Every structure is written in structure tokens, then in C-alpha cells.
Amino acid sequence: MSILVYVDHFQGKTKPVSGEIMGKARELAGKTGLPVVAFVVGQNVGGVAAEAIAYGADKVLVADAASFSQFRTHAYVAAFKAAIATAKPHIILVPTSAGVRDAAALAACELNIGLAADCQGLALDANGNLLAERPVFSGNMLTTIVFAAQPQMATVRPRSFPLPAADKSRTGEIVLLAVALDGLASAEEVLEFETTETGEVSVENAGIIVSGGRGVKGPEGFAPLRELARLLGGAVGASRAAVDAGWIPYPHQVGQTGKSVRPDLYIAAGISGAIQHLAGMSNAKVIVAINKDKDAPIFSLARYGIVGDLFEVTPALTAALKRKLGK
């Protein structure tokens, strides 16, 4: 028996959400006495395996081959199933990263494993079984999932737990995992791979997000928001209305049909607060709303509200922060 953690990575580095989950797995292991087994899939991922040990893994199962150099759903599912068969986990924890969540869902379906998706809290009952907390009804309620059997799998949202410091002095075992690819897993082919990275901070892992909505009035309306985000070391987000209008690319979209985020600070400028948007950012620690409409729904969720024109308020806020920060 073990606690199995899927370690997602990009360009040879562990994604923060995987480190966060590893830290939580370490906490659960302390209560159950079970070892933490990490699972890494990709090509030339020895460095990621070493990082997994530094974050708390006792053992790392590695599926390392050219066939895993790019994400292919059924190939990754085959590797995931092999890791589950080897680790014999009581609990399986997986990031809600793009692609990875699909592989987890398919593996759970094929192996008849109970899965709680998009969780933001994890605990144990008196018998050491997983209790998974997740939002429902567009984030208006929280529910706790109780599992009826083992293994018990949960996919976890970014920033649900603190990121622990990596301890490079830790030691652990790295085991190469043999994976047989046949059927759909061998038939898949990646024809092309394009990155949409713009060099800006990603909203998924950002501690501070400055978002714009219909009130920015056009692509150029994001300029003052970007300046404020750069000053704070944060990311630029957007509502669906701004994305659908073509003012900013989809990776910036926050909401039910975009990214679910949990920043320390969320500044919503020119966003009215439709329920679909609130579902993706309502778990921010501090929400600041800037809107000309004093009756905008966003104010009901905000800790601080500023009734005014974002094109006057945002530059003034940026200037004040520059003075405060000495920049």
C-alpha cells in the first residue's frame, strides 16, 4: 500500500502544483504510515524524478521513453495504469493540469477507481480513508467526497496547499517502469506541437492576478492592467466576454469555462461578476473590484470595492504602489 502522486512537469521542471500535492501527500503519509510513491512519465525525466524525492517521495516510478516525449492520452493512461499496478496505492493524487486530468479520468474509469475531481482540500477520516473537498454549483457550495472502496483518487487544483521547500538532502529509490503500449496507445500520433506561452506569468500558478472584462473596451484596454500586473509580479487574467471579443487569448480566461484560480490577490477591473466568472476566482484570498456600476455583482464578493472608471483608477493605483514600493 502507498500514496501515489502523479508528478506533472514542463521543460524538465516540476510544476508547482505537483510540489504542492507532494507536500500534502507527505502530511497524509505521516498520519497513515504509508510510503509516498511518485510517478513521472516523459523522456529524459531523471531530473524531475530527483525533484520528486526532494519534495517528499520515498520512491519514484519512472516511465521514460521516446514514446512519452509528448502527451498522448492513451499512452499516458497505459503508463498510469502500470504505475498503479506497481504501487498498489490506497490513495492516488493527481494535478488538474491539462492533459493529466484526462489521463487520470480514463485510468480511473478503466480500473473502476472512485475519482473526486477538482479538489481543493484533502483530509482523512478515522479509518485513514480519503475525504476530498470540492466546489459544486459553480463554486457556491463545498462538498466532501467520501469513498466507498480503494484505491481512492483525487485530482487537485493548483494553490490548494502550500508549496514546501525542496530538500535536496533527501534520499529515495528511483525505479524504471516497464509500460506495454498497444491498441489505442500505440495508434496515437502527434502531428504538431505549438506553444501558446507569451512570456507572461500564467494565471494558473500566479499569486496575484489582475483581470479585465468587458469594461476594458478593447485589446488596448488591457495595457494599464498589464502595467499593474508587472509591477506586482502577477498575471493578467480576463473574463469570458473579453476573450470571446478577441481582445486577449484564451489562456488568460478565468471562470467556469476557463481557468480556476486561487491567488492571494485578485483585482477585477471592469468585470461585472457573472456567476460563471465568480466560479473560477471566488476562492482568492483577497478580491479587489474596480467597476463604474456600484450595483455590479462582483462587489458582493470583493473585500475592497472601488466605484470608478478603471482607466482612471488603475493608473492611479499603479502610481501609488510605485511610490510605496520605491519603484
Protein backbone atom coordinates (compact mmCIF):
# COMPACT_ATOMS: atom_id res chain seq x y z
CA MET A 1 0.00 0.00 0.00
CA SER A 2 1.14 3.55 -0.69
CA ILE A 3 0.13 7.10 -1.52
CA LEU A 4 0.77 7.57 -5.25
CA VAL A 5 1.37 11.09 -6.60
CA TYR A 6 1.42 11.91 -10.31
CA VAL A 7 4.20 14.45 -10.89
CA ASP A 8 3.49 16.78 -13.81
CA HIS A 9 6.36 18.75 -15.32
CA PHE A 10 7.30 21.12 -18.12
CA GLN A 11 10.67 21.64 -19.79
CA GLY A 12 12.42 19.48 -17.22
CA LYS A 13 10.98 21.23 -14.16
CA THR A 14 8.32 20.03 -11.75
CA LYS A 15 5.17 22.13 -11.96
CA PRO A 16 4.42 23.92 -8.67
CA VAL A 17 1.08 22.13 -8.27
CA SER A 18 2.90 18.78 -8.18
CA GLY A 19 5.18 20.02 -5.40
CA GLU A 20 2.13 21.29 -3.50
CA ILE A 21 0.44 17.90 -3.77
CA MET A 22 3.63 16.13 -2.77
CA GLY A 23 3.77 18.21 0.40
CA LYS A 24 0.18 17.26 1.23
CA ALA A 25 0.91 13.60 0.47
CA ARG A 26 3.82 13.76 2.91
CA GLU A 27 1.41 15.08 5.56
CA LEU A 28 -1.08 12.27 4.88
CA ALA A 29 1.74 9.72 4.95
CA GLY A 30 2.67 10.89 8.43
CA LYS A 31 -0.86 10.02 9.59
CA THR A 32 -1.22 6.70 7.76
CA GLY A 33 2.32 5.35 7.89
CA LEU A 34 2.18 4.70 4.15
CA PRO A 35 5.14 5.50 1.87
CA VAL A 36 4.82 8.25 -0.74
CA VAL A 37 5.43 6.95 -4.26
CA ALA A 38 5.77 9.48 -7.07
CA PHE A 39 5.08 8.71 -10.72
CA VAL A 40 6.87 10.55 -13.53
CA VAL A 41 6.25 9.99 -17.24
CA GLY A 42 8.13 11.60 -20.14
CA GLN A 43 11.50 11.48 -21.86
CA ASN A 44 14.79 12.27 -20.08
CA VAL A 45 12.98 12.96 -16.81
CA GLY A 46 15.72 11.92 -14.39
CA GLY A 47 15.92 15.46 -13.04
CA VAL A 48 12.17 15.54 -12.38
CA ALA A 49 12.45 12.21 -10.54
CA ALA A 50 15.18 13.67 -8.32
CA GLU A 51 12.98 16.72 -7.63
CA ALA A 52 10.14 14.40 -6.60
CA ILE A 53 12.37 12.88 -3.93
CA ALA A 54 13.39 16.35 -2.76
CA TYR A 55 9.71 17.26 -2.38
CA GLY A 56 8.97 14.18 -0.28
CA ALA A 57 8.76 10.98 -2.33
CA ASP A 58 10.17 7.80 -0.84
CA LYS A 59 10.18 6.07 -4.22
CA VAL A 60 9.75 7.31 -7.80
CA LEU A 61 8.34 5.19 -10.62
CA VAL A 62 9.64 6.50 -13.93
CA ALA A 63 8.20 5.80 -17.39
CA ASP A 64 10.99 7.26 -19.52
CA ALA A 65 10.90 6.69 -23.27
CA ALA A 66 10.69 8.50 -26.60
CA SER A 67 7.04 7.41 -26.84
CA PHE A 68 6.30 9.67 -23.87
CA SER A 69 8.17 12.74 -25.16
CA GLN A 70 4.84 14.47 -25.85
CA PHE A 71 1.50 13.93 -24.19
CA ARG A 72 -0.60 11.26 -25.87
CA THR A 73 -3.71 10.38 -23.90
CA HIS A 74 -3.80 6.61 -24.18
CA ALA A 75 -0.03 6.19 -23.92
CA TYR A 76 -0.04 8.15 -20.68
CA VAL A 77 -3.05 6.17 -19.45
CA ALA A 78 -1.13 2.93 -20.09
CA ALA A 79 1.80 4.28 -18.07
CA PHE A 80 -0.51 5.47 -15.29
CA LYS A 81 -2.17 2.06 -15.05
CA ALA A 82 1.24 0.39 -14.86
CA ALA A 83 2.23 2.73 -12.02
CA ILE A 84 -0.99 1.94 -10.13
CA ALA A 85 -0.43 -1.80 -10.56
CA THR A 86 3.12 -1.48 -9.23
CA ALA A 87 2.48 0.95 -6.35
CA LYS A 88 -0.77 -0.69 -5.17
CA PRO A 89 -1.93 2.66 -3.77
CA HIS A 90 -4.51 3.33 -1.11
CA ILE A 91 -4.68 6.98 -2.24
CA ILE A 92 -3.86 8.49 -5.65
CA LEU A 93 -3.34 12.25 -6.02
CA VAL A 94 -3.13 13.99 -9.40
CA PRO A 95 -2.82 17.64 -10.52
CA THR A 96 -5.69 19.11 -12.52
CA SER A 97 -3.20 20.08 -15.25
CA ALA A 98 -4.34 19.98 -18.88
CA GLY A 99 -3.97 16.50 -20.28
CA VAL A 100 -3.06 14.92 -16.97
CA ARG A 101 -6.62 15.19 -15.68
CA ASP A 102 -7.83 13.38 -18.83
CA ALA A 103 -5.37 10.53 -18.30
CA ALA A 104 -6.40 10.26 -14.65
CA ALA A 105 -10.10 10.11 -15.52
CA LEU A 106 -9.60 7.43 -18.17
CA ALA A 107 -7.36 5.35 -15.91
CA ALA A 108 -9.91 5.60 -13.11
CA CYS A 109 -12.70 4.56 -15.46
CA GLU A 110 -10.82 1.58 -16.87
CA LEU A 111 -9.72 0.38 -13.41
CA ASN A 112 -13.07 1.11 -11.72
CA ILE A 113 -11.48 3.55 -9.24
CA GLY A 114 -13.54 6.22 -7.48
CA LEU A 115 -12.41 9.71 -8.55
CA ALA A 116 -13.11 13.10 -6.95
CA ALA A 117 -12.28 15.86 -9.45
CA ASP A 118 -11.06 19.45 -8.98
CA CYS A 119 -10.49 19.14 -5.24
CA GLN A 120 -9.19 21.97 -3.07
CA GLY A 121 -9.00 20.19 0.28
CA LEU A 122 -7.88 16.73 1.42
CA ALA A 123 -8.19 15.04 4.80
CA LEU A 124 -8.51 11.57 6.33
CA ASP A 125 -11.33 10.01 8.31
CA ALA A 126 -10.80 7.92 11.45
CA ASN A 127 -10.03 4.85 9.33
CA GLY A 128 -7.42 6.58 7.16
CA ASN A 129 -9.70 6.90 4.15
CA LEU A 130 -9.56 9.98 1.94
CA LEU A 131 -12.01 12.85 2.39
CA ALA A 132 -11.91 15.11 -0.67
CA GLU A 133 -13.38 18.61 -0.62
CA ARG A 134 -14.53 20.12 -3.90
CA PRO A 135 -16.73 23.04 -5.00
CA VAL A 136 -20.12 22.39 -6.64
CA PHE A 137 -22.90 24.52 -8.13
CA SER A 138 -20.48 26.98 -9.75
CA GLY A 139 -18.46 27.31 -6.57
CA ASN A 140 -21.44 28.33 -4.41
CA MET A 141 -21.15 25.26 -2.19
CA LEU A 142 -18.43 22.92 -0.96
CA THR A 143 -18.97 19.19 -0.68
CA THR A 144 -16.86 16.45 0.87
CA ILE A 145 -16.49 13.28 -1.18
CA VAL A 146 -16.37 10.03 0.83
CA PHE A 147 -15.06 6.93 -0.94
CA ALA A 148 -16.69 3.52 -0.71
CA ALA A 149 -13.67 1.46 -1.79
CA GLN A 150 -9.94 1.55 -2.50
CA PRO A 151 -7.96 2.91 -4.28
CA GLN A 152 -9.22 6.47 -3.77
CA MET A 153 -8.25 9.04 -6.41
CA ALA A 154 -8.48 12.83 -6.38
CA THR A 155 -7.39 15.47 -8.85
CA VAL A 156 -6.25 18.65 -7.08
CA ARG A 157 -6.41 22.31 -8.10
CA PRO A 158 -3.24 24.43 -8.13
CA ARG A 159 -2.52 26.52 -5.00
CA SER A 160 -4.77 24.35 -2.82
CA PHE A 161 -1.83 23.69 -0.49
CA PRO A 162 1.45 25.46 0.36
CA LEU A 163 4.47 24.67 -1.79
CA PRO A 164 7.04 23.01 0.50
CA ALA A 165 10.73 23.77 0.27
CA ALA A 166 12.60 21.12 -1.71
CA ASP A 167 15.07 19.21 0.46
CA LYS A 168 17.89 18.06 -1.83
CA SER A 169 19.44 16.06 1.02
CA ARG A 170 16.55 13.57 0.98
CA THR A 171 17.22 10.15 -0.49
CA GLY A 172 14.87 7.75 -2.21
CA GLU A 173 14.61 4.97 -4.73
CA ILE A 174 14.11 5.57 -8.46
CA VAL A 175 12.61 2.61 -10.34
CA LEU A 176 12.20 2.36 -14.11
CA LEU A 177 8.67 1.33 -15.03
CA ALA A 178 8.06 -1.02 -17.95
CA VAL A 179 5.00 0.02 -19.97
CA ALA A 180 3.48 -2.00 -22.80
CA LEU A 181 1.95 0.21 -25.49
CA ASP A 182 -0.60 -1.49 -27.70
CA GLY A 183 -4.03 -0.83 -29.13
CA LEU A 184 -5.02 2.83 -28.88
CA ALA A 185 -1.83 3.69 -27.00
CA SER A 186 0.33 2.66 -29.96
CA ALA A 187 -2.02 4.08 -32.60
CA GLU A 188 -1.92 7.69 -31.43
CA GLU A 189 0.32 10.09 -33.32
CA VAL A 190 1.26 13.69 -32.54
CA LEU A 191 1.33 15.62 -35.80
CA GLU A 192 2.31 19.02 -34.46
CA PHE A 193 3.01 20.76 -31.17
CA GLU A 194 2.67 24.50 -30.67
CA THR A 195 3.17 26.51 -27.52
CA THR A 196 0.88 29.39 -26.61
CA GLU A 197 3.24 30.78 -23.97
CA THR A 198 3.56 34.56 -24.30
CA GLY A 199 6.28 35.12 -21.72
CA GLU A 200 3.71 36.49 -19.27
CA VAL A 201 3.03 34.89 -15.88
CA SER A 202 0.46 32.07 -16.12
CA VAL A 203 -2.79 32.67 -14.25
CA GLU A 204 -2.86 29.08 -13.01
CA ASN A 205 0.01 29.44 -10.58
CA ALA A 206 0.02 33.19 -10.01
CA GLY A 207 -0.16 34.61 -6.50
CA ILE A 208 -1.51 37.89 -7.87
CA ILE A 209 -3.88 38.28 -10.83
CA VAL A 210 -5.13 41.50 -12.44
CA SER A 211 -8.15 40.69 -14.63
CA GLY A 212 -10.12 42.70 -17.14
CA GLY A 213 -13.60 42.23 -18.54
CA ARG A 214 -15.99 43.91 -20.91
CA GLY A 215 -15.17 47.24 -19.28
CA VAL A 216 -11.67 47.37 -20.82
CA LYS A 217 -13.46 48.13 -24.14
CA GLY A 218 -10.82 46.59 -26.39
CA PRO A 219 -7.35 44.99 -26.63
CA GLU A 220 -5.63 48.28 -25.78
CA GLY A 221 -7.67 48.45 -22.57
CA PHE A 222 -5.51 45.71 -21.06
CA ALA A 223 -2.41 47.96 -21.18
CA PRO A 224 -2.93 49.57 -17.73
CA LEU A 225 -3.78 46.16 -16.29
CA ARG A 226 -0.57 44.66 -17.66
CA GLU A 227 1.45 47.52 -16.17
CA LEU A 228 -0.10 46.91 -12.75
CA ALA A 229 0.42 43.14 -13.04
CA ARG A 230 4.09 43.62 -14.00
CA LEU A 231 4.63 45.94 -11.04
CA LEU A 232 3.17 43.35 -8.66
CA GLY A 233 4.85 40.37 -10.31
CA GLY A 234 1.45 38.94 -11.17
CA ALA A 235 -0.50 37.57 -14.12
CA VAL A 236 -3.09 39.13 -16.40
CA GLY A 237 -6.48 37.44 -16.40
CA ALA A 238 -9.70 38.04 -18.28
CA SER A 239 -13.40 37.30 -18.29
CA ARG A 240 -15.01 35.20 -20.99
CA ALA A 241 -16.54 38.32 -22.54
CA ALA A 242 -13.08 39.82 -23.15
CA VAL A 243 -11.75 36.56 -24.59
CA ASP A 244 -14.80 35.98 -26.81
CA ALA A 245 -14.39 39.52 -28.16
CA GLY A 246 -10.86 38.62 -29.26
CA TRP A 247 -9.21 41.20 -27.01
CA ILE A 248 -6.94 38.68 -25.24
CA PRO A 249 -6.05 34.99 -25.83
CA TYR A 250 -7.95 32.15 -24.16
CA PRO A 251 -5.11 31.05 -21.78
CA HIS A 252 -5.88 34.21 -19.77
CA GLN A 253 -9.55 33.33 -19.27
CA VAL A 254 -10.68 32.85 -15.68
CA GLY A 255 -14.02 31.25 -14.92
CA GLN A 256 -16.15 28.17 -15.30
CA THR A 257 -15.13 27.73 -18.94
CA GLY A 258 -11.58 28.97 -18.35
CA LYS A 259 -9.06 28.52 -15.52
CA SER A 260 -9.97 28.10 -11.87
CA VAL A 261 -7.53 30.16 -9.80
CA ARG A 262 -6.73 30.64 -6.10
CA PRO A 263 -4.41 33.67 -5.91
CA ASP A 264 -3.56 35.62 -2.79
CA LEU A 265 -4.83 38.78 -4.52
CA TYR A 266 -7.34 39.06 -7.37
CA ILE A 267 -8.00 42.51 -8.87
CA ALA A 268 -11.10 42.54 -11.10
CA ALA A 269 -11.24 45.64 -13.33
CA GLY A 270 -14.29 46.22 -15.48
CA ILE A 271 -15.73 42.80 -14.65
CA SER A 272 -19.40 42.78 -13.64
CA GLY A 273 -19.20 39.42 -11.88
CA ALA A 274 -21.26 36.88 -13.83
CA ILE A 275 -21.66 33.62 -11.91
CA GLN A 276 -19.52 31.80 -14.48
CA HIS A 277 -16.59 34.11 -13.75
CA LEU A 278 -17.06 34.02 -9.99
CA ALA A 279 -16.89 30.22 -10.12
CA GLY A 280 -13.29 30.44 -11.27
CA MET A 281 -11.92 33.03 -8.82
CA SER A 282 -14.14 33.12 -5.74
CA ASN A 283 -11.52 31.24 -3.69
CA ALA A 284 -8.98 34.07 -3.96
CA LYS A 285 -7.80 35.18 -0.53
CA VAL A 286 -8.40 38.89 -1.21
CA ILE A 287 -10.57 40.27 -4.02
CA VAL A 288 -10.47 43.91 -5.13
CA ALA A 289 -13.15 45.09 -7.56
CA ILE A 290 -12.99 48.20 -9.78
CA ASN A 291 -16.23 48.98 -11.60
CA LYS A 292 -18.28 52.04 -12.57
CA ASP A 293 -21.52 50.25 -11.65
CA LYS A 294 -21.96 50.32 -7.87
CA ASP A 295 -24.52 47.51 -8.19
CA ALA A 296 -22.22 45.13 -10.09
CA PRO A 297 -22.41 41.59 -8.58
CA ILE A 298 -18.60 41.48 -8.21
CA PHE A 299 -18.86 43.87 -5.25
CA SER A 300 -20.78 41.28 -3.22
CA LEU A 301 -17.71 39.05 -3.26
CA ALA A 302 -14.98 41.70 -3.01
CA ARG A 303 -13.25 42.60 0.23
CA TYR A 304 -12.40 46.00 -1.23
CA GLY A 305 -14.50 47.78 -3.84
CA ILE A 306 -13.72 50.90 -5.84
CA VAL A 307 -16.59 52.53 -7.75
CA GLY A 308 -14.96 54.32 -10.63
CA ASP A 309 -13.55 54.23 -14.15
CA LEU A 310 -10.84 51.55 -14.41
CA PHE A 311 -8.89 53.81 -16.81
CA GLU A 312 -8.57 56.38 -14.02
CA VAL A 313 -8.39 54.05 -11.01
CA THR A 314 -5.88 51.51 -12.34
CA PRO A 315 -3.15 54.01 -13.34
CA ALA A 316 -3.66 55.86 -10.05
CA LEU A 317 -3.33 52.59 -8.14
CA THR A 318 -0.18 51.71 -10.11
CA ALA A 319 1.38 55.12 -9.40
CA ALA A 320 0.58 54.85 -5.69
CA LEU A 321 2.08 51.37 -5.48
CA LYS A 322 5.24 52.54 -7.31
CA ARG A 323 5.70 55.23 -4.68
CA LYS A 324 5.02 52.74 -1.88
CA LEU A 325 7.39 50.16 -3.32
CA GLY A 326 10.04 52.71 -4.26
CA LYS A 327 9.97 51.84 -7.96
